[in-house]
Structure formats: structure tokens, C-alpha cells
Protein backbone atom coordinates (compact mmCIF):
# COMPACT_ATOMS: atom_id res chain seq x y z
CA MET A 1 -17.91 -15.97 -17.30
CA ASP A 2 -17.40 -12.50 -15.49
CA VAL A 3 -14.45 -10.62 -17.09
CA ASN A 4 -12.71 -8.04 -15.16
CA ILE A 5 -10.92 -5.55 -17.27
CA ASN A 6 -8.67 -4.45 -14.49
CA GLN A 7 -7.31 -8.18 -13.79
CA LEU A 8 -7.14 -8.65 -17.68
CA VAL A 9 -5.01 -5.64 -17.97
CA GLN A 10 -2.67 -6.46 -14.90
CA THR A 11 -2.15 -10.10 -16.15
CA LEU A 12 -1.09 -8.76 -19.52
CA ALA A 13 1.39 -6.22 -17.97
CA ILE A 14 2.85 -8.83 -15.89
CA TYR A 15 3.16 -11.18 -18.85
CA ALA A 16 4.75 -8.66 -20.89
CA LEU A 17 7.34 -8.10 -17.75
CA CYS A 18 8.13 -11.72 -17.79
CA ARG A 19 8.51 -12.22 -21.54
CA GLN A 20 10.26 -9.14 -23.04
CA ALA A 21 11.85 -5.94 -22.07
CA VAL A 22 9.36 -3.23 -21.20
CA ARG A 23 9.40 0.34 -20.04
CA SER A 24 10.23 1.09 -16.54
CA THR A 25 6.93 2.85 -16.20
CA VAL A 26 5.15 -0.71 -16.60
CA LEU A 27 7.08 -2.00 -13.94
CA ILE A 28 6.07 1.06 -11.61
CA ALA A 29 2.42 0.48 -12.65
CA VAL A 30 2.56 -3.28 -11.70
CA VAL A 31 4.15 -2.72 -8.51
CA LEU A 32 1.40 0.03 -7.74
CA PHE A 33 -1.40 -2.34 -8.73
CA LEU A 34 0.18 -5.11 -6.61
CA LEU A 35 0.25 -2.74 -3.57
CA ALA A 36 -3.38 -1.57 -4.22
CA ALA A 37 -4.43 -5.14 -4.60
CA GLY A 38 -2.63 -6.19 -1.38
CA GLY A 39 -4.18 -3.35 0.46
CA GLY A 40 -7.62 -4.01 -0.61
CA ALA A 41 -7.14 -7.81 0.45
CA VAL A 42 -5.99 -6.35 3.93
CA MET A 43 -8.79 -4.03 4.01
CA SER A 44 -11.38 -6.61 3.12
CA LEU A 45 -10.11 -9.14 5.82
CA ALA A 46 -10.19 -6.42 8.49
CA TYR A 47 -13.74 -5.39 7.64
CA LYS A 48 -14.84 -9.14 7.69
CA TRP A 49 -13.01 -10.03 10.87
CA ARG A 50 -13.89 -6.85 12.92
CA HIS A 51 -17.30 -6.04 11.45
CA ARG A 52 -16.54 -2.45 11.59
CA LEU A 53 -16.52 0.27 8.70
CA LEU A 54 -13.00 1.07 7.41
CA PRO A 55 -11.81 4.71 7.73
CA PRO A 56 -12.77 6.81 4.72
CA TRP A 57 -9.29 7.97 4.21
CA LEU A 58 -7.93 4.43 3.88
CA VAL A 59 -10.33 3.58 1.23
CA ILE A 60 -9.81 6.62 -0.61
CA ALA A 61 -6.09 6.06 -0.51
CA HIS A 62 -6.75 2.65 -1.88
CA ALA A 63 -8.69 3.83 -4.80
CA LEU A 64 -6.26 6.67 -5.61
CA LEU A 65 -3.49 4.17 -5.66
CA ALA A 66 -5.28 1.89 -8.02
CA ALA A 67 -6.26 4.80 -10.25
CA THR A 68 -2.72 6.11 -10.32
CA ALA A 69 -1.41 2.65 -11.35
CA LEU A 70 -3.97 2.65 -14.14
CA VAL A 71 -2.86 6.00 -15.35
CA VAL A 72 0.77 5.13 -15.23
CA LEU A 73 0.16 1.85 -17.20
CA LEU A 74 -1.98 3.76 -19.80
CA LEU A 75 0.75 6.43 -20.31
CA ALA A 76 3.44 3.72 -20.62
CA ALA A 77 1.28 1.99 -23.13
CA PHE A 78 -0.14 4.86 -25.04
CA GLY A 79 1.82 7.97 -24.06
CA ALA A 80 4.80 9.72 -25.85
CA GLY A 81 8.29 8.42 -24.79
């Protein structure tokens, strides 16, 4: 079984949102993760359908969005507040 730590963290954050009151930064992180995941799916399908490389700026923007979501989630979990 291959465990992806990103998927595990996202699943736990979404579960926490559904089960109890959490900080608003957790909600922001989940929304950013969902946007990054949706964008990644669209990019993957576009690449597979067109058989062309994606623009580098789009790939970098996708990575930055996911990294930002992770930082926001870590700040919500371990940061002062």
C-alpha cells in the first residue's frame, strides 16, 4: 500500500472540518488544496488529450498553490494563534 502524506493530511483536515469547529485557516487551506487538486486534474487531462507540454508558468502556479495550502495548514495546526 502506497501512502501519500499529502492525501492523508488533506483527508484529516476535511474530516476535522466536518466533525468539529476548526480555525478558519484550516478552511482556507482545504479550499486551496481543492483548487490545486482540481487544477492538477485539469492540467493532467489537458496534457493527455493534447499531447503537448504544459506552460511552465501554469505548472509553477499549481505547485505554489499547493505549497501555500500546506504552509497555511501547518500554521493553523502548529502556529500561534
